[in-house]
């Protein structure tokens, strides 16, 4: 039974993604975002449990990717669809034709995960932005609208140009050849993981001032640091 524990946690990841979509259909965008955060926790703990129990399996690897497609690809795409649908309306045959652009996030998330499964270079780091990072970024956007010091986000989230740019940039980042460092810590020496210390310091300071609204800015900082990590 022990070998099934990591897979059971992975299934909870998938279930959280499905619940996120249902909550969005019911009009609760923030709760939909929260369930993506919950999925991310399950995504972390299934790998942790597999390492702890030495319960690795090909089934677990494939199940993890399939769950991630839903929780960090499809569910965030629906959140993006929701916002695009609110700010642009170009109808053809009674159908708003532009909001489905949001689902490019799901398409490129699937491509990124498929590449990851067959790429033996990504054992200690990533090539392309990890899919959960994209999903968490999109899931956290609704929380920026509630923070008084982020009033400018209200204008951005009602701008189709901003939303389309998010879709385009994150779709590209997921399948590009840019290396992104893993957050797995194998040493506490500053010189070995100074980029992680830098990210952690920025994240702590941001959460103190912004709470959950800090998440998209932490994700953007991660992307920026990853692009310069070799020279830090």
Protein backbone atom coordinates (compact mmCIF):
# COMPACT_ATOMS: atom_id res chain seq x y z
CA UNK A 1 0.00 0.00 0.00
CA UNK A 2 2.92 2.36 0.70
CA UNK A 3 3.84 2.65 -2.99
CA UNK A 4 0.35 4.04 -3.72
CA UNK A 5 0.63 6.95 -1.26
CA UNK A 6 2.44 9.34 -3.66
CA UNK A 7 -0.02 8.52 -6.45
CA UNK A 8 -2.95 9.18 -4.11
CA UNK A 9 -1.50 12.61 -3.30
CA UNK A 10 -1.09 13.25 -7.03
CA UNK A 11 -4.76 12.41 -7.54
CA UNK A 12 -5.59 15.03 -4.89
CA UNK A 13 -3.67 17.51 -7.05
CA UNK A 14 -5.87 16.58 -10.03
CA UNK A 15 -9.04 16.77 -7.93
CA UNK A 16 -8.07 20.24 -6.69
CA UNK A 17 -7.68 21.42 -10.29
CA UNK A 18 -11.13 20.08 -11.16
CA UNK A 19 -12.69 21.79 -8.14
CA UNK A 20 -10.98 25.04 -9.19
CA UNK A 21 -12.79 24.90 -12.54
CA UNK A 22 -16.14 24.19 -10.86
CA UNK A 23 -15.67 27.12 -8.48
CA UNK A 24 -14.92 29.41 -11.40
CA UNK A 25 -18.11 28.28 -13.17
CA UNK A 26 -19.95 29.24 -9.98
CA UNK A 27 -18.48 32.74 -10.15
CA UNK A 28 -15.92 32.45 -7.35
CA UNK A 29 -12.66 33.45 -9.04
CA UNK A 30 -10.59 33.83 -5.87
CA UNK A 31 -11.65 30.42 -4.55
CA UNK A 32 -10.70 28.96 -7.94
CA UNK A 33 -7.25 30.47 -7.48
CA UNK A 34 -6.99 29.09 -3.95
CA UNK A 35 -7.66 25.56 -5.22
CA UNK A 36 -4.77 25.93 -7.66
CA UNK A 37 -2.56 26.83 -4.69
CA UNK A 38 -3.87 23.72 -2.93
CA UNK A 39 -3.03 21.67 -6.04
CA UNK A 40 0.51 23.10 -5.89
CA UNK A 41 0.85 21.87 -2.30
CA UNK A 42 -0.21 18.38 -3.32
CA UNK A 43 2.19 18.59 -6.27
CA UNK A 44 5.04 19.32 -3.86
CA UNK A 45 4.12 16.65 -1.35
CA UNK A 46 3.65 13.83 -3.87
CA UNK A 47 7.28 14.21 -4.94
CA UNK A 48 8.36 14.56 -1.32
CA UNK A 49 6.46 11.39 -0.38
CA UNK A 50 7.91 9.48 -3.35
CA UNK A 51 11.45 10.40 -2.29
CA UNK A 52 10.78 9.68 1.38
CA UNK A 53 9.16 6.30 0.72
CA UNK A 54 11.35 5.48 -2.30
CA UNK A 55 8.10 4.81 -4.15
CA UNK A 56 9.06 5.90 -7.64
CA UNK A 57 7.22 4.44 -10.62
CA UNK A 58 6.66 5.19 -14.32
CA UNK A 59 2.94 5.34 -13.54
CA UNK A 60 3.55 8.03 -10.92
CA UNK A 61 5.59 10.14 -13.33
CA UNK A 62 2.90 10.03 -16.02
CA UNK A 63 0.08 10.61 -13.52
CA UNK A 64 1.90 13.64 -12.16
CA UNK A 65 2.16 15.22 -15.61
CA UNK A 66 -1.47 14.48 -16.47
CA UNK A 67 -2.60 16.04 -13.19
CA UNK A 68 -0.43 19.10 -13.78
CA UNK A 69 -2.02 19.65 -17.20
CA UNK A 70 -5.39 20.04 -15.49
CA UNK A 71 -4.38 21.90 -12.32
CA UNK A 72 -1.72 24.21 -13.80
CA UNK A 73 -2.78 24.30 -17.44
CA UNK A 74 -6.54 23.99 -17.90
CA UNK A 75 -7.69 25.54 -14.60
CA UNK A 76 -5.54 28.71 -14.96
CA UNK A 77 -6.68 28.97 -18.60
CA UNK A 78 -10.28 29.18 -17.42
CA UNK A 79 -9.36 31.99 -15.01
CA UNK A 80 -7.67 33.86 -17.87
CA UNK A 81 -10.70 33.13 -20.09
CA UNK A 82 -12.93 34.68 -17.42
CA UNK A 83 -11.02 37.97 -17.43
CA UNK A 84 -10.63 38.19 -21.22
CA UNK A 85 -14.33 37.48 -21.66
CA UNK A 86 -15.14 40.40 -19.35
CA UNK A 87 -13.11 43.00 -21.23
CA UNK A 88 -13.48 42.14 -24.93
CA UNK A 89 -16.43 41.09 -27.06
CA UNK A 90 -15.95 40.36 -30.74
CA UNK A 91 -18.74 38.02 -31.70
CA UNK A 92 -19.11 35.75 -34.68
CA UNK A 93 -22.23 33.60 -35.02
CA UNK A 94 -23.11 34.62 -31.46
CA UNK A 95 -19.76 33.44 -30.08
CA UNK A 96 -17.13 35.68 -28.47
CA UNK A 97 -14.12 34.58 -30.52
CA UNK A 98 -11.20 36.11 -28.57
CA UNK A 99 -11.46 34.68 -25.01
CA UNK A 100 -10.50 31.14 -26.18
CA UNK A 101 -7.01 32.57 -26.75
CA UNK A 102 -6.62 31.91 -23.02
CA UNK A 103 -6.50 28.18 -23.69
CA UNK A 104 -3.12 28.52 -25.38
CA UNK A 105 -1.86 28.40 -21.79
CA UNK A 106 -3.28 24.89 -21.48
CA UNK A 107 -1.90 23.84 -24.87
CA UNK A 108 1.62 25.04 -24.11
CA UNK A 109 1.45 23.61 -20.59
CA UNK A 110 0.74 20.21 -22.14
CA UNK A 111 3.62 20.68 -24.60
CA UNK A 112 5.95 21.71 -21.79
CA UNK A 113 5.05 18.66 -19.67
CA UNK A 114 5.39 16.31 -22.64
CA UNK A 115 8.86 17.74 -23.34
CA UNK A 116 9.79 17.36 -19.68
CA UNK A 117 8.86 13.68 -19.70
CA UNK A 118 11.28 12.87 -22.54
CA UNK A 119 14.07 15.35 -21.73
CA UNK A 120 16.86 13.84 -19.62
CA UNK A 121 18.51 17.26 -19.19
CA UNK A 122 15.92 18.31 -16.61
CA UNK A 123 17.01 16.23 -13.65
CA UNK A 124 18.34 19.01 -11.38
CA UNK A 125 16.94 22.11 -13.12
CA UNK A 126 14.35 23.01 -15.76
CA UNK A 127 14.48 23.94 -19.42
CA UNK A 128 11.58 26.32 -19.84
CA UNK A 129 9.34 27.73 -17.13
CA UNK A 130 7.81 24.98 -14.92
CA UNK A 131 4.09 24.65 -15.53
CA UNK A 132 3.13 25.10 -11.84
CA UNK A 133 4.89 28.50 -11.85
CA UNK A 134 2.66 29.67 -14.69
CA UNK A 135 -0.45 28.25 -13.03
CA UNK A 136 0.31 29.89 -9.69
CA UNK A 137 1.01 33.22 -11.39
CA UNK A 138 -2.39 33.26 -13.12
CA UNK A 139 -4.20 31.93 -10.03
CA UNK A 140 -2.80 34.76 -7.92
CA UNK A 141 -3.86 37.59 -10.24
CA UNK A 142 -7.39 37.92 -8.74
CA UNK A 143 -5.86 38.67 -5.31
CA UNK A 144 -4.01 41.71 -6.64
CA UNK A 145 -7.35 43.42 -7.29
CA UNK A 146 -8.14 43.57 -3.56
CA UNK A 147 -4.96 45.27 -2.39
CA UNK A 148 -5.14 49.05 -2.00
CA UNK A 149 -1.52 49.64 -3.02
CA UNK A 150 -2.03 47.74 -6.29
CA UNK A 151 -4.81 49.87 -7.74
CA UNK A 152 -3.06 49.84 -11.13
CA UNK A 153 -3.81 46.10 -11.42
CA UNK A 154 -7.51 46.95 -11.86
CA UNK A 155 -6.68 48.71 -15.14
CA UNK A 156 -4.34 45.92 -16.27
CA UNK A 157 -6.84 43.15 -15.57
CA UNK A 158 -9.43 44.91 -17.73
CA UNK A 159 -6.97 45.46 -20.58
CA UNK A 160 -7.11 42.81 -23.33
CA UNK A 161 -3.59 43.83 -24.39
CA UNK A 162 -2.20 42.95 -20.96
CA UNK A 163 -4.10 39.67 -20.77
CA UNK A 164 -3.08 38.62 -24.28
CA UNK A 165 0.51 39.55 -23.44
CA UNK A 166 0.40 37.32 -20.35
CA UNK A 167 -0.87 34.41 -22.46
CA UNK A 168 1.77 34.95 -25.15
CA UNK A 169 4.73 35.48 -22.81
CA UNK A 170 3.99 32.59 -20.48
CA UNK A 171 3.19 30.25 -23.37
CA UNK A 172 6.61 31.05 -24.84
CA UNK A 173 8.43 30.74 -21.51
CA UNK A 174 7.06 27.24 -20.91
CA UNK A 175 8.52 25.80 -24.12
CA UNK A 176 11.63 27.97 -24.60
CA UNK A 177 15.19 26.75 -24.05
CA UNK A 178 15.84 29.18 -21.18
CA UNK A 179 17.13 27.33 -18.07
CA UNK A 180 15.22 27.83 -14.82
CA UNK A 181 16.67 26.74 -11.50
CA UNK A 182 14.93 24.28 -9.21
CA UNK A 183 14.00 25.24 -5.65
CA UNK A 184 15.28 21.93 -4.29
CA UNK A 185 18.02 22.75 -1.76
CA UNK A 186 21.01 20.40 -1.66
CA UNK A 187 23.35 22.76 0.20
CA UNK A 188 22.90 25.69 2.59
CA UNK A 189 26.13 27.41 1.53
CA UNK A 190 25.40 30.93 0.31
CA UNK A 191 27.70 30.68 -2.70
CA UNK A 192 25.91 27.54 -3.90
CA UNK A 193 22.33 28.81 -3.64
CA UNK A 194 22.66 32.60 -3.49
CA UNK A 195 19.90 32.89 -6.10
CA UNK A 196 17.50 31.00 -3.81
CA UNK A 197 18.42 33.20 -0.85
CA UNK A 198 17.79 36.26 -3.02
CA UNK A 199 14.41 34.92 -4.13
CA UNK A 200 13.47 34.00 -0.56
CA UNK A 201 14.37 37.48 0.73
CA UNK A 202 12.29 39.12 -1.98
CA UNK A 203 9.37 36.75 -1.34
CA UNK A 204 9.37 37.35 2.43
CA UNK A 205 9.49 41.14 2.03
CA UNK A 206 6.74 41.04 -0.60
CA UNK A 207 4.42 38.87 1.49
CA UNK A 208 4.88 41.17 4.50
CA UNK A 209 3.57 44.13 2.51
CA UNK A 210 1.20 42.51 0.01
CA UNK A 211 0.09 39.12 1.36
CA UNK A 212 -1.23 36.75 -1.32
CA UNK A 213 -1.13 39.65 -3.79
CA UNK A 214 2.66 39.31 -3.75
CA UNK A 215 2.64 35.96 -5.54
CA UNK A 216 2.64 37.19 -9.18
CA UNK A 217 5.48 39.60 -8.38
CA UNK A 218 7.48 36.81 -6.72
CA UNK A 219 6.94 34.68 -9.82
CA UNK A 220 8.13 37.50 -12.07
CA UNK A 221 11.18 37.96 -9.85
CA UNK A 222 11.90 34.22 -10.11
CA UNK A 223 11.85 34.50 -13.91
CA UNK A 224 14.19 37.49 -13.86
CA UNK A 225 16.63 35.86 -11.42
CA UNK A 226 16.59 32.62 -13.45
CA UNK A 227 17.69 34.49 -16.55
CA UNK A 228 20.72 35.90 -14.72
CA UNK A 229 21.49 33.10 -12.27
CA UNK A 230 24.68 32.11 -14.08
CA UNK A 231 26.18 35.53 -13.51
CA UNK A 232 25.00 36.14 -9.94
